[in-house]
Structures are given as structure tokens and as C-alpha cells.
PDBML (XML) file of the C-alpha atoms, coordinates in Angstrom:
<?xml version="1.0" encoding="UTF-8" ?>
<PDBx:datablock datablockName="MODEL"
   xmlns:PDBx="http://pdbml.pdb.org/schema/pdbx-v50.xsd"
   xmlns:xsi="http://www.w3.org/2001/XMLSchema-instance"
   xsi:schemaLocation="http://pdbml.pdb.org/schema/pdbx-v50.xsd pdbx-v50.xsd">
   <PDBx:atom_siteCategory>
      <PDBx:atom_site id="1">
         <PDBx:B_iso_or_equiv>0.00</PDBx:B_iso_or_equiv>
         <PDBx:Cartn_x>-65.829</PDBx:Cartn_x>
         <PDBx:Cartn_y>20.297</PDBx:Cartn_y>
         <PDBx:Cartn_z>-79.027</PDBx:Cartn_z>
         <PDBx:auth_asym_id>A</PDBx:auth_asym_id>
         <PDBx:auth_atom_id>CA</PDBx:auth_atom_id>
         <PDBx:auth_comp_id>UNK</PDBx:auth_comp_id>
         <PDBx:auth_seq_id>1</PDBx:auth_seq_id>
         <PDBx:group_PDB>ATOM</PDBx:group_PDB>
         <PDBx:label_alt_id xsi:nil="true" />
         <PDBx:label_asym_id>A</PDBx:label_asym_id>
         <PDBx:label_atom_id>CA</PDBx:label_atom_id>
         <PDBx:label_comp_id>UNK</PDBx:label_comp_id>
         <PDBx:label_entity_id>1</PDBx:label_entity_id>
         <PDBx:label_seq_id>1</PDBx:label_seq_id>
         <PDBx:occupancy>1.00</PDBx:occupancy>
         <PDBx:pdbx_PDB_model_num>1</PDBx:pdbx_PDB_model_num>
         <PDBx:type_symbol>C</PDBx:type_symbol>
      </PDBx:atom_site>
      <PDBx:atom_site id="2">
         <PDBx:B_iso_or_equiv>0.00</PDBx:B_iso_or_equiv>
         <PDBx:Cartn_x>-62.297</PDBx:Cartn_x>
         <PDBx:Cartn_y>19.860</PDBx:Cartn_y>
         <PDBx:Cartn_z>-81.114</PDBx:Cartn_z>
         <PDBx:auth_asym_id>A</PDBx:auth_asym_id>
         <PDBx:auth_atom_id>CA</PDBx:auth_atom_id>
         <PDBx:auth_comp_id>UNK</PDBx:auth_comp_id>
         <PDBx:auth_seq_id>2</PDBx:auth_seq_id>
         <PDBx:group_PDB>ATOM</PDBx:group_PDB>
         <PDBx:label_alt_id xsi:nil="true" />
         <PDBx:label_asym_id>A</PDBx:label_asym_id>
         <PDBx:label_atom_id>CA</PDBx:label_atom_id>
         <PDBx:label_comp_id>UNK</PDBx:label_comp_id>
         <PDBx:label_entity_id>1</PDBx:label_entity_id>
         <PDBx:label_seq_id>2</PDBx:label_seq_id>
         <PDBx:occupancy>1.00</PDBx:occupancy>
         <PDBx:pdbx_PDB_model_num>1</PDBx:pdbx_PDB_model_num>
         <PDBx:type_symbol>C</PDBx:type_symbol>
      </PDBx:atom_site>
      <PDBx:atom_site id="3">
         <PDBx:B_iso_or_equiv>0.00</PDBx:B_iso_or_equiv>
         <PDBx:Cartn_x>-63.959</PDBx:Cartn_x>
         <PDBx:Cartn_y>19.697</PDBx:Cartn_y>
         <PDBx:Cartn_z>-84.207</PDBx:Cartn_z>
         <PDBx:auth_asym_id>A</PDBx:auth_asym_id>
         <PDBx:auth_atom_id>CA</PDBx:auth_atom_id>
         <PDBx:auth_comp_id>UNK</PDBx:auth_comp_id>
         <PDBx:auth_seq_id>3</PDBx:auth_seq_id>
         <PDBx:group_PDB>ATOM</PDBx:group_PDB>
         <PDBx:label_alt_id xsi:nil="true" />
         <PDBx:label_asym_id>A</PDBx:label_asym_id>
         <PDBx:label_atom_id>CA</PDBx:label_atom_id>
         <PDBx:label_comp_id>UNK</PDBx:label_comp_id>
         <PDBx:label_entity_id>1</PDBx:label_entity_id>
         <PDBx:label_seq_id>3</PDBx:label_seq_id>
         <PDBx:occupancy>1.00</PDBx:occupancy>
         <PDBx:pdbx_PDB_model_num>1</PDBx:pdbx_PDB_model_num>
         <PDBx:type_symbol>C</PDBx:type_symbol>
      </PDBx:atom_site>
      <PDBx:atom_site id="4">
         <PDBx:B_iso_or_equiv>0.00</PDBx:B_iso_or_equiv>
         <PDBx:Cartn_x>-65.375</PDBx:Cartn_x>
         <PDBx:Cartn_y>23.630</PDBx:Cartn_y>
         <PDBx:Cartn_z>-83.859</PDBx:Cartn_z>
         <PDBx:auth_asym_id>A</PDBx:auth_asym_id>
         <PDBx:auth_atom_id>CA</PDBx:auth_atom_id>
         <PDBx:auth_comp_id>UNK</PDBx:auth_comp_id>
         <PDBx:auth_seq_id>4</PDBx:auth_seq_id>
         <PDBx:group_PDB>ATOM</PDBx:group_PDB>
         <PDBx:label_alt_id xsi:nil="true" />
         <PDBx:label_asym_id>A</PDBx:label_asym_id>
         <PDBx:label_atom_id>CA</PDBx:label_atom_id>
         <PDBx:label_comp_id>UNK</PDBx:label_comp_id>
         <PDBx:label_entity_id>1</PDBx:label_entity_id>
         <PDBx:label_seq_id>4</PDBx:label_seq_id>
         <PDBx:occupancy>1.00</PDBx:occupancy>
         <PDBx:pdbx_PDB_model_num>1</PDBx:pdbx_PDB_model_num>
         <PDBx:type_symbol>C</PDBx:type_symbol>
      </PDBx:atom_site>
      <PDBx:atom_site id="5">
         <PDBx:B_iso_or_equiv>0.00</PDBx:B_iso_or_equiv>
         <PDBx:Cartn_x>-62.635</PDBx:Cartn_x>
         <PDBx:Cartn_y>24.595</PDBx:Cartn_y>
         <PDBx:Cartn_z>-81.401</PDBx:Cartn_z>
         <PDBx:auth_asym_id>A</PDBx:auth_asym_id>
         <PDBx:auth_atom_id>CA</PDBx:auth_atom_id>
         <PDBx:auth_comp_id>UNK</PDBx:auth_comp_id>
         <PDBx:auth_seq_id>5</PDBx:auth_seq_id>
         <PDBx:group_PDB>ATOM</PDBx:group_PDB>
         <PDBx:label_alt_id xsi:nil="true" />
         <PDBx:label_asym_id>A</PDBx:label_asym_id>
         <PDBx:label_atom_id>CA</PDBx:label_atom_id>
         <PDBx:label_comp_id>UNK</PDBx:label_comp_id>
         <PDBx:label_entity_id>1</PDBx:label_entity_id>
         <PDBx:label_seq_id>5</PDBx:label_seq_id>
         <PDBx:occupancy>1.00</PDBx:occupancy>
         <PDBx:pdbx_PDB_model_num>1</PDBx:pdbx_PDB_model_num>
         <PDBx:type_symbol>C</PDBx:type_symbol>
      </PDBx:atom_site>
      <PDBx:atom_site id="6">
         <PDBx:B_iso_or_equiv>0.00</PDBx:B_iso_or_equiv>
         <PDBx:Cartn_x>-59.459</PDBx:Cartn_x>
         <PDBx:Cartn_y>22.822</PDBx:Cartn_y>
         <PDBx:Cartn_z>-82.188</PDBx:Cartn_z>
         <PDBx:auth_asym_id>A</PDBx:auth_asym_id>
         <PDBx:auth_atom_id>CA</PDBx:auth_atom_id>
         <PDBx:auth_comp_id>UNK</PDBx:auth_comp_id>
         <PDBx:auth_seq_id>6</PDBx:auth_seq_id>
         <PDBx:group_PDB>ATOM</PDBx:group_PDB>
         <PDBx:label_alt_id xsi:nil="true" />
         <PDBx:label_asym_id>A</PDBx:label_asym_id>
         <PDBx:label_atom_id>CA</PDBx:label_atom_id>
         <PDBx:label_comp_id>UNK</PDBx:label_comp_id>
         <PDBx:label_entity_id>1</PDBx:label_entity_id>
         <PDBx:label_seq_id>6</PDBx:label_seq_id>
         <PDBx:occupancy>1.00</PDBx:occupancy>
         <PDBx:pdbx_PDB_model_num>1</PDBx:pdbx_PDB_model_num>
         <PDBx:type_symbol>C</PDBx:type_symbol>
      </PDBx:atom_site>
      <PDBx:atom_site id="7">
         <PDBx:B_iso_or_equiv>0.00</PDBx:B_iso_or_equiv>
         <PDBx:Cartn_x>-57.209</PDBx:Cartn_x>
         <PDBx:Cartn_y>24.822</PDBx:Cartn_y>
         <PDBx:Cartn_z>-79.975</PDBx:Cartn_z>
         <PDBx:auth_asym_id>A</PDBx:auth_asym_id>
         <PDBx:auth_atom_id>CA</PDBx:auth_atom_id>
         <PDBx:auth_comp_id>UNK</PDBx:auth_comp_id>
         <PDBx:auth_seq_id>7</PDBx:auth_seq_id>
         <PDBx:group_PDB>ATOM</PDBx:group_PDB>
         <PDBx:label_alt_id xsi:nil="true" />
         <PDBx:label_asym_id>A</PDBx:label_asym_id>
         <PDBx:label_atom_id>CA</PDBx:label_atom_id>
         <PDBx:label_comp_id>UNK</PDBx:label_comp_id>
         <PDBx:label_entity_id>1</PDBx:label_entity_id>
         <PDBx:label_seq_id>7</PDBx:label_seq_id>
         <PDBx:occupancy>1.00</PDBx:occupancy>
         <PDBx:pdbx_PDB_model_num>1</PDBx:pdbx_PDB_model_num>
         <PDBx:type_symbol>C</PDBx:type_symbol>
      </PDBx:atom_site>
      <PDBx:atom_site id="8">
         <PDBx:B_iso_or_equiv>0.00</PDBx:B_iso_or_equiv>
         <PDBx:Cartn_x>-59.212</PDBx:Cartn_x>
         <PDBx:Cartn_y>24.416</PDBx:Cartn_y>
         <PDBx:Cartn_z>-76.872</PDBx:Cartn_z>
         <PDBx:auth_asym_id>A</PDBx:auth_asym_id>
         <PDBx:auth_atom_id>CA</PDBx:auth_atom_id>
         <PDBx:auth_comp_id>UNK</PDBx:auth_comp_id>
         <PDBx:auth_seq_id>8</PDBx:auth_seq_id>
         <PDBx:group_PDB>ATOM</PDBx:group_PDB>
         <PDBx:label_alt_id xsi:nil="true" />
         <PDBx:label_asym_id>A</PDBx:label_asym_id>
         <PDBx:label_atom_id>CA</PDBx:label_atom_id>
         <PDBx:label_comp_id>UNK</PDBx:label_comp_id>
         <PDBx:label_entity_id>1</PDBx:label_entity_id>
         <PDBx:label_seq_id>8</PDBx:label_seq_id>
         <PDBx:occupancy>1.00</PDBx:occupancy>
         <PDBx:pdbx_PDB_model_num>1</PDBx:pdbx_PDB_model_num>
         <PDBx:type_symbol>C</PDBx:type_symbol>
      </PDBx:atom_site>
      <PDBx:atom_site id="9">
         <PDBx:B_iso_or_equiv>0.00</PDBx:B_iso_or_equiv>
         <PDBx:Cartn_x>-60.082</PDBx:Cartn_x>
         <PDBx:Cartn_y>27.897</PDBx:Cartn_y>
         <PDBx:Cartn_z>-76.306</PDBx:Cartn_z>
         <PDBx:auth_asym_id>A</PDBx:auth_asym_id>
         <PDBx:auth_atom_id>CA</PDBx:auth_atom_id>
         <PDBx:auth_comp_id>UNK</PDBx:auth_comp_id>
         <PDBx:auth_seq_id>9</PDBx:auth_seq_id>
         <PDBx:group_PDB>ATOM</PDBx:group_PDB>
         <PDBx:label_alt_id xsi:nil="true" />
         <PDBx:label_asym_id>A</PDBx:label_asym_id>
         <PDBx:label_atom_id>CA</PDBx:label_atom_id>
         <PDBx:label_comp_id>UNK</PDBx:label_comp_id>
         <PDBx:label_entity_id>1</PDBx:label_entity_id>
         <PDBx:label_seq_id>9</PDBx:label_seq_id>
         <PDBx:occupancy>1.00</PDBx:occupancy>
         <PDBx:pdbx_PDB_model_num>1</PDBx:pdbx_PDB_model_num>
         <PDBx:type_symbol>C</PDBx:type_symbol>
      </PDBx:atom_site>
      <PDBx:atom_site id="10">
         <PDBx:B_iso_or_equiv>0.00</PDBx:B_iso_or_equiv>
         <PDBx:Cartn_x>-64.000</PDBx:Cartn_x>
         <PDBx:Cartn_y>27.313</PDBx:Cartn_y>
         <PDBx:Cartn_z>-75.387</PDBx:Cartn_z>
         <PDBx:auth_asym_id>A</PDBx:auth_asym_id>
         <PDBx:auth_atom_id>CA</PDBx:auth_atom_id>
         <PDBx:auth_comp_id>UNK</PDBx:auth_comp_id>
         <PDBx:auth_seq_id>10</PDBx:auth_seq_id>
         <PDBx:group_PDB>ATOM</PDBx:group_PDB>
         <PDBx:label_alt_id xsi:nil="true" />
         <PDBx:label_asym_id>A</PDBx:label_asym_id>
         <PDBx:label_atom_id>CA</PDBx:label_atom_id>
         <PDBx:label_comp_id>UNK</PDBx:label_comp_id>
         <PDBx:label_entity_id>1</PDBx:label_entity_id>
         <PDBx:label_seq_id>10</PDBx:label_seq_id>
         <PDBx:occupancy>1.00</PDBx:occupancy>
         <PDBx:pdbx_PDB_model_num>1</PDBx:pdbx_PDB_model_num>
         <PDBx:type_symbol>C</PDBx:type_symbol>
      </PDBx:atom_site>
      <PDBx:atom_site id="11">
         <PDBx:B_iso_or_equiv>0.00</PDBx:B_iso_or_equiv>
         <PDBx:Cartn_x>-65.131</PDBx:Cartn_x>
         <PDBx:Cartn_y>25.905</PDBx:Cartn_y>
         <PDBx:Cartn_z>-72.324</PDBx:Cartn_z>
         <PDBx:auth_asym_id>A</PDBx:auth_asym_id>
         <PDBx:auth_atom_id>CA</PDBx:auth_atom_id>
         <PDBx:auth_comp_id>UNK</PDBx:auth_comp_id>
         <PDBx:auth_seq_id>11</PDBx:auth_seq_id>
         <PDBx:group_PDB>ATOM</PDBx:group_PDB>
         <PDBx:label_alt_id xsi:nil="true" />
         <PDBx:label_asym_id>A</PDBx:label_asym_id>
         <PDBx:label_atom_id>CA</PDBx:label_atom_id>
         <PDBx:label_comp_id>UNK</PDBx:label_comp_id>
         <PDBx:label_entity_id>1</PDBx:label_entity_id>
         <PDBx:label_seq_id>11</PDBx:label_seq_id>
         <PDBx:occupancy>1.00</PDBx:occupancy>
         <PDBx:pdbx_PDB_model_num>1</PDBx:pdbx_PDB_model_num>
         <PDBx:type_symbol>C</PDBx:type_symbol>
      </PDBx:atom_site>
      <PDBx:atom_site id="12">
         <PDBx:B_iso_or_equiv>0.00</PDBx:B_iso_or_equiv>
         <PDBx:Cartn_x>-68.442</PDBx:Cartn_x>
         <PDBx:Cartn_y>24.220</PDBx:Cartn_y>
         <PDBx:Cartn_z>-72.859</PDBx:Cartn_z>
         <PDBx:auth_asym_id>A</PDBx:auth_asym_id>
         <PDBx:auth_atom_id>CA</PDBx:auth_atom_id>
         <PDBx:auth_comp_id>UNK</PDBx:auth_comp_id>
         <PDBx:auth_seq_id>12</PDBx:auth_seq_id>
         <PDBx:group_PDB>ATOM</PDBx:group_PDB>
         <PDBx:label_alt_id xsi:nil="true" />
         <PDBx:label_asym_id>A</PDBx:label_asym_id>
         <PDBx:label_atom_id>CA</PDBx:label_atom_id>
         <PDBx:label_comp_id>UNK</PDBx:label_comp_id>
         <PDBx:label_entity_id>1</PDBx:label_entity_id>
         <PDBx:label_seq_id>12</PDBx:label_seq_id>
         <PDBx:occupancy>1.00</PDBx:occupancy>
         <PDBx:pdbx_PDB_model_num>1</PDBx:pdbx_PDB_model_num>
         <PDBx:type_symbol>C</PDBx:type_symbol>
      </PDBx:atom_site>
      <PDBx:atom_site id="13">
         <PDBx:B_iso_or_equiv>0.00</PDBx:B_iso_or_equiv>
         <PDBx:Cartn_x>-69.130</PDBx:Cartn_x>
         <PDBx:Cartn_y>22.994</PDBx:Cartn_y>
         <PDBx:Cartn_z>-69.297</PDBx:Cartn_z>
         <PDBx:auth_asym_id>A</PDBx:auth_asym_id>
         <PDBx:auth_atom_id>CA</PDBx:auth_atom_id>
         <PDBx:auth_comp_id>UNK</PDBx:auth_comp_id>
         <PDBx:auth_seq_id>13</PDBx:auth_seq_id>
         <PDBx:group_PDB>ATOM</PDBx:group_PDB>
         <PDBx:label_alt_id xsi:nil="true" />
         <PDBx:label_asym_id>A</PDBx:label_asym_id>
         <PDBx:label_atom_id>CA</PDBx:label_atom_id>
         <PDBx:label_comp_id>UNK</PDBx:label_comp_id>
         <PDBx:label_entity_id>1</PDBx:label_entity_id>
         <PDBx:label_seq_id>13</PDBx:label_seq_id>
         <PDBx:occupancy>1.00</PDBx:occupancy>
         <PDBx:pdbx_PDB_model_num>1</PDBx:pdbx_PDB_model_num>
         <PDBx:type_symbol>C</PDBx:type_symbol>
      </PDBx:atom_site>
      <PDBx:atom_site id="14">
         <PDBx:B_iso_or_equiv>0.00</PDBx:B_iso_or_equiv>
         <PDBx:Cartn_x>-71.403</PDBx:Cartn_x>
         <PDBx:Cartn_y>25.919</PDBx:Cartn_y>
         <PDBx:Cartn_z>-68.578</PDBx:Cartn_z>
         <PDBx:auth_asym_id>A</PDBx:auth_asym_id>
         <PDBx:auth_atom_id>CA</PDBx:auth_atom_id>
         <PDBx:auth_comp_id>UNK</PDBx:auth_comp_id>
         <PDBx:auth_seq_id>14</PDBx:auth_seq_id>
         <PDBx:group_PDB>ATOM</PDBx:group_PDB>
         <PDBx:label_alt_id xsi:nil="true" />
         <PDBx:label_asym_id>A</PDBx:label_asym_id>
         <PDBx:label_atom_id>CA</PDBx:label_atom_id>
         <PDBx:label_comp_id>UNK</PDBx:label_comp_id>
         <PDBx:label_entity_id>1</PDBx:label_entity_id>
         <PDBx:label_seq_id>14</PDBx:label_seq_id>
         <PDBx:occupancy>1.00</PDBx:occupancy>
         <PDBx:pdbx_PDB_model_num>1</PDBx:pdbx_PDB_model_num>
         <PDBx:type_symbol>C</PDBx:type_symbol>
      </PDBx:atom_site>
      <PDBx:atom_site id="15">
         <PDBx:B_iso_or_equiv>0.00</PDBx:B_iso_or_equiv>
         <PDBx:Cartn_x>-73.138</PDBx:Cartn_x>
         <PDBx:Cartn_y>25.879</PDBx:Cartn_y>
         <PDBx:Cartn_z>-72.359</PDBx:Cartn_z>
         <PDBx:auth_asym_id>A</PDBx:auth_asym_id>
         <PDBx:auth_atom_id>CA</PDBx:auth_atom_id>
         <PDBx:auth_comp_id>UNK</PDBx:auth_comp_id>
         <PDBx:auth_seq_id>15</PDBx:auth_seq_id>
         <PDBx:group_PDB>ATOM</PDBx:group_PDB>
         <PDBx:label_alt_id xsi:nil="true" />
         <PDBx:label_asym_id>A</PDBx:label_asym_id>
         <PDBx:label_atom_id>CA</PDBx:label_atom_id>
         <PDBx:label_comp_id>UNK</PDBx:label_comp_id>
         <PDBx:label_entity_id>1</PDBx:label_entity_id>
         <PDBx:label_seq_id>15</PDBx:label_seq_id>
         <PDBx:occupancy>1.00</PDBx:occupancy>
         <PDBx:pdbx_PDB_model_num>1</PDBx:pdbx_PDB_model_num>
         <PDBx:type_symbol>C</PDBx:type_symbol>
      </PDBx:atom_site>
      <PDBx:atom_site id="16">
         <PDBx:B_iso_or_equiv>0.00</PDBx:B_iso_or_equiv>
         <PDBx:Cartn_x>-76.841</PDBx:Cartn_x>
         <PDBx:Cartn_y>25.103</PDBx:Cartn_y>
         <PDBx:Cartn_z>-71.328</PDBx:Cartn_z>
         <PDBx:auth_asym_id>A</PDBx:auth_asym_id>
         <PDBx:auth_atom_id>CA</PDBx:auth_atom_id>
         <PDBx:auth_comp_id>UNK</PDBx:auth_comp_id>
         <PDBx:auth_seq_id>16</PDBx:auth_seq_id>
         <PDBx:group_PDB>ATOM</PDBx:group_PDB>
         <PDBx:label_alt_id xsi:nil="true" />
         <PDBx:label_asym_id>A</PDBx:label_asym_id>
         <PDBx:label_atom_id>CA</PDBx:label_atom_id>
         <PDBx:label_comp_id>UNK</PDBx:label_comp_id>
         <PDBx:label_entity_id>1</PDBx:label_entity_id>
         <PDBx:label_seq_id>16</PDBx:label_seq_id>
         <PDBx:occupancy>1.00</PDBx:occupancy>
         <PDBx:pdbx_PDB_model_num>1</PDBx:pdbx_PDB_model_num>
         <PDBx:type_symbol>C</PDBx:type_symbol>
      </PDBx:atom_site>
      <PDBx:atom_site id="17">
         <PDBx:B_iso_or_equiv>0.00</PDBx:B_iso_or_equiv>
         <PDBx:Cartn_x>-76.991</PDBx:Cartn_x>
         <PDBx:Cartn_y>23.386</PDBx:Cartn_y>
         <PDBx:Cartn_z>-75.500</PDBx:Cartn_z>
         <PDBx:auth_asym_id>A</PDBx:auth_asym_id>
         <PDBx:auth_atom_id>CA</PDBx:auth_atom_id>
         <PDBx:auth_comp_id>UNK</PDBx:auth_comp_id>
         <PDBx:auth_seq_id>17</PDBx:auth_seq_id>
         <PDBx:group_PDB>ATOM</PDBx:group_PDB>
         <PDBx:label_alt_id xsi:nil="true" />
         <PDBx:label_asym_id>A</PDBx:label_asym_id>
         <PDBx:label_atom_id>CA</PDBx:label_atom_id>
         <PDBx:label_comp_id>UNK</PDBx:label_comp_id>
         <PDBx:label_entity_id>1</PDBx:label_entity_id>
         <PDBx:label_seq_id>17</PDBx:label_seq_id>
         <PDBx:occupancy>1.00</PDBx:occupancy>
         <PDBx:pdbx_PDB_model_num>1</PDBx:pdbx_PDB_model_num>
         <PDBx:type_symbol>C</PDBx:type_symbol>
      </PDBx:atom_site>
      <PDBx:atom_site id="18">
         <PDBx:B_iso_or_equiv>0.00</PDBx:B_iso_or_equiv>
         <PDBx:Cartn_x>-74.453</PDBx:Cartn_x>
         <PDBx:Cartn_y>20.581</PDBx:Cartn_y>
         <PDBx:Cartn_z>-73.536</PDBx:Cartn_z>
         <PDBx:auth_asym_id>A</PDBx:auth_asym_id>
         <PDBx:auth_atom_id>CA</PDBx:auth_atom_id>
         <PDBx:auth_comp_id>UNK</PDBx:auth_comp_id>
         <PDBx:auth_seq_id>18</PDBx:auth_seq_id>
         <PDBx:group_PDB>ATOM</PDBx:group_PDB>
         <PDBx:label_alt_id xsi:nil="true" />
         <PDBx:label_asym_id>A</PDBx:label_asym_id>
         <PDBx:label_atom_id>CA</PDBx:label_atom_id>
         <PDBx:label_comp_id>UNK</PDBx:label_comp_id>
         <PDBx:label_entity_id>1</PDBx:label_entity_id>
         <PDBx:label_seq_id>18</PDBx:label_seq_id>
         <PDBx:occupancy>1.00</PDBx:occupancy>
         <PDBx:pdbx_PDB_model_num>1</PDBx:pdbx_PDB_model_num>
         <PDBx:type_symbol>C</PDBx:type_symbol>
      </PDBx:atom_site>
      <PDBx:atom_site id="19">
         <PDBx:B_iso_or_equiv>0.00</PDBx:B_iso_or_equiv>
         <PDBx:Cartn_x>-75.413</PDBx:Cartn_x>
         <PDBx:Cartn_y>19.548</PDBx:Cartn_y>
         <PDBx:Cartn_z>-69.920</PDBx:Cartn_z>
         <PDBx:auth_asym_id>A</PDBx:auth_asym_id>
         <PDBx:auth_atom_id>CA</PDBx:auth_atom_id>
         <PDBx:auth_comp_id>UNK</PDBx:auth_comp_id>
         <PDBx:auth_seq_id>19</PDBx:auth_seq_id>
         <PDBx:group_PDB>ATOM</PDBx:group_PDB>
         <PDBx:label_alt_id xsi:nil="true" />
         <PDBx:label_asym_id>A</PDBx:label_asym_id>
         <PDBx:label_atom_id>CA</PDBx:label_atom_id>
         <PDBx:label_comp_id>UNK</PDBx:label_comp_id>
         <PDBx:label_entity_id>1</PDBx:label_entity_id>
         <PDBx:label_seq_id>19</PDBx:label_seq_id>
         <PDBx:occupancy>1.00</PDBx:occupancy>
         <PDBx:pdbx_PDB_model_num>1</PDBx:pdbx_PDB_model_num>
         <PDBx:type_symbol>C</PDBx:type_symbol>
      </PDBx:atom_site>
      <PDBx:atom_site id="20">
         <PDBx:B_iso_or_equiv>0.00</PDBx:B_iso_or_equiv>
         <PDBx:Cartn_x>-76.811</PDBx:Cartn_x>
         <PDBx:Cartn_y>16.630</PDBx:Cartn_y>
         <PDBx:Cartn_z>-71.168</PDBx:Cartn_z>
         <PDBx:auth_asym_id>A</PDBx:auth_asym_id>
         <PDBx:auth_atom_id>CA</PDBx:auth_atom_id>
         <PDBx:auth_comp_id>UNK</PDBx:auth_comp_id>
         <PDBx:auth_seq_id>20</PDBx:auth_seq_id>
         <PDBx:group_PDB>ATOM</PDBx:group_PDB>
         <PDBx:label_alt_id xsi:nil="true" />
         <PDBx:label_asym_id>A</PDBx:label_asym_id>
         <PDBx:label_atom_id>CA</PDBx:label_atom_id>
         <PDBx:label_comp_id>UNK</PDBx:label_comp_id>
         <PDBx:label_entity_id>1</PDBx:label_entity_id>
         <PDBx:label_seq_id>20</PDBx:label_seq_id>
         <PDBx:occupancy>1.00</PDBx:occupancy>
         <PDBx:pdbx_PDB_model_num>1</PDBx:pdbx_PDB_model_num>
         <PDBx:type_symbol>C</PDBx:type_symbol>
      </PDBx:atom_site>
      <PDBx:atom_site id="21">
         <PDBx:B_iso_or_equiv>0.00</PDBx:B_iso_or_equiv>
         <PDBx:Cartn_x>-73.507</PDBx:Cartn_x>
         <PDBx:Cartn_y>15.453</PDBx:Cartn_y>
         <PDBx:Cartn_z>-72.869</PDBx:Cartn_z>
         <PDBx:auth_asym_id>A</PDBx:auth_asym_id>
         <PDBx:auth_atom_id>CA</PDBx:auth_atom_id>
         <PDBx:auth_comp_id>UNK</PDBx:auth_comp_id>
         <PDBx:auth_seq_id>21</PDBx:auth_seq_id>
         <PDBx:group_PDB>ATOM</PDBx:group_PDB>
         <PDBx:label_alt_id xsi:nil="true" />
         <PDBx:label_asym_id>A</PDBx:label_asym_id>
         <PDBx:label_atom_id>CA</PDBx:label_atom_id>
         <PDBx:label_comp_id>UNK</PDBx:label_comp_id>
         <PDBx:label_entity_id>1</PDBx:label_entity_id>
         <PDBx:label_seq_id>21</PDBx:label_seq_id>
         <PDBx:occupancy>1.00</PDBx:occupancy>
         <PDBx:pdbx_PDB_model_num>1</PDBx:pdbx_PDB_model_num>
         <PDBx:type_symbol>C</PDBx:type_symbol>
      </PDBx:atom_site>
      <PDBx:atom_site id="22">
         <PDBx:B_iso_or_equiv>0.00</PDBx:B_iso_or_equiv>
         <PDBx:Cartn_x>-71.576</PDBx:Cartn_x>
         <PDBx:Cartn_y>16.729</PDBx:Cartn_y>
         <PDBx:Cartn_z>-69.509</PDBx:Cartn_z>
         <PDBx:auth_asym_id>A</PDBx:auth_asym_id>
         <PDBx:auth_atom_id>CA</PDBx:auth_atom_id>
         <PDBx:auth_comp_id>UNK</PDBx:auth_comp_id>
         <PDBx:auth_seq_id>22</PDBx:auth_seq_id>
         <PDBx:group_PDB>ATOM</PDBx:group_PDB>
         <PDBx:label_alt_id xsi:nil="true" />
         <PDBx:label_asym_id>A</PDBx:label_asym_id>
         <PDBx:label_atom_id>CA</PDBx:label_atom_id>
         <PDBx:label_comp_id>UNK</PDBx:label_comp_id>
         <PDBx:label_entity_id>1</PDBx:label_entity_id>
         <PDBx:label_seq_id>22</PDBx:label_seq_id>
         <PDBx:occupancy>1.00</PDBx:occupancy>
         <PDBx:pdbx_PDB_model_num>1</PDBx:pdbx_PDB_model_num>
         <PDBx:type_symbol>C</PDBx:type_symbol>
      </PDBx:atom_site>
      <PDBx:atom_site id="23">
         <PDBx:B_iso_or_equiv>0.00</PDBx:B_iso_or_equiv>
         <PDBx:Cartn_x>-74.175</PDBx:Cartn_x>
         <PDBx:Cartn_y>15.073</PDBx:Cartn_y>
         <PDBx:Cartn_z>-67.500</PDBx:Cartn_z>
         <PDBx:auth_asym_id>A</PDBx:auth_asym_id>
         <PDBx:auth_atom_id>CA</PDBx:auth_atom_id>
         <PDBx:auth_comp_id>UNK</PDBx:auth_comp_id>
         <PDBx:auth_seq_id>23</PDBx:auth_seq_id>
         <PDBx:group_PDB>ATOM</PDBx:group_PDB>
         <PDBx:label_alt_id xsi:nil="true" />
         <PDBx:label_asym_id>A</PDBx:label_asym_id>
         <PDBx:label_atom_id>CA</PDBx:label_atom_id>
         <PDBx:label_comp_id>UNK</PDBx:label_comp_id>
         <PDBx:label_entity_id>1</PDBx:label_entity_id>
         <PDBx:label_seq_id>23</PDBx:label_seq_id>
         <PDBx:occupancy>1.00</PDBx:occupancy>
         <PDBx:pdbx_PDB_model_num>1</PDBx:pdbx_PDB_model_num>
         <PDBx:type_symbol>C</PDBx:type_symbol>
      </PDBx:atom_site>
      <PDBx:atom_site id="24">
         <PDBx:B_iso_or_equiv>0.00</PDBx:B_iso_or_equiv>
         <PDBx:Cartn_x>-73.425</PDBx:Cartn_x>
         <PDBx:Cartn_y>12.064</PDBx:Cartn_y>
         <PDBx:Cartn_z>-68.836</PDBx:Cartn_z>
         <PDBx:auth_asym_id>A</PDBx:auth_asym_id>
         <PDBx:auth_atom_id>CA</PDBx:auth_atom_id>
         <PDBx:auth_comp_id>UNK</PDBx:auth_comp_id>
         <PDBx:auth_seq_id>24</PDBx:auth_seq_id>
         <PDBx:group_PDB>ATOM</PDBx:group_PDB>
         <PDBx:label_alt_id xsi:nil="true" />
         <PDBx:label_asym_id>A</PDBx:label_asym_id>
         <PDBx:label_atom_id>CA</PDBx:label_atom_id>
         <PDBx:label_comp_id>UNK</PDBx:label_comp_id>
         <PDBx:label_entity_id>1</PDBx:label_entity_id>
         <PDBx:label_seq_id>24</PDBx:label_seq_id>
         <PDBx:occupancy>1.00</PDBx:occupancy>
         <PDBx:pdbx_PDB_model_num>1</PDBx:pdbx_PDB_model_num>
         <PDBx:type_symbol>C</PDBx:type_symbol>
      </PDBx:atom_site>
      <PDBx:atom_site id="25">
         <PDBx:B_iso_or_equiv>0.00</PDBx:B_iso_or_equiv>
         <PDBx:Cartn_x>-69.704</PDBx:Cartn_x>
         <PDBx:Cartn_y>12.187</PDBx:Cartn_y>
         <PDBx:Cartn_z>-69.140</PDBx:Cartn_z>
         <PDBx:auth_asym_id>A</PDBx:auth_asym_id>
         <PDBx:auth_atom_id>CA</PDBx:auth_atom_id>
         <PDBx:auth_comp_id>UNK</PDBx:auth_comp_id>
         <PDBx:auth_seq_id>25</PDBx:auth_seq_id>
         <PDBx:group_PDB>ATOM</PDBx:group_PDB>
         <PDBx:label_alt_id xsi:nil="true" />
         <PDBx:label_asym_id>A</PDBx:label_asym_id>
         <PDBx:label_atom_id>CA</PDBx:label_atom_id>
         <PDBx:label_comp_id>UNK</PDBx:label_comp_id>
         <PDBx:label_entity_id>1</PDBx:label_entity_id>
         <PDBx:label_seq_id>25</PDBx:label_seq_id>
         <PDBx:occupancy>1.00</PDBx:occupancy>
         <PDBx:pdbx_PDB_model_num>1</PDBx:pdbx_PDB_model_num>
         <PDBx:type_symbol>C</PDBx:type_symbol>
      </PDBx:atom_site>
   </PDBx:atom_siteCategory>
</PDBx:datablock>
């Protein structure tokens, strides 16, 4: 999420809140 994490330090691929978004991608 470049708005919250512009330095790209937090990979959200395992985040439960982002699984629907991840699946769509």
C-alpha cells in the first residue's frame, strides 16, 4: 500500500484483510 507504506517495507500478501484484493490481482 504505497499511500501508507511509500518505502515498500510491509508486504501485505499474508494480511488477512487483503486476501480478497490479493486474489483479484
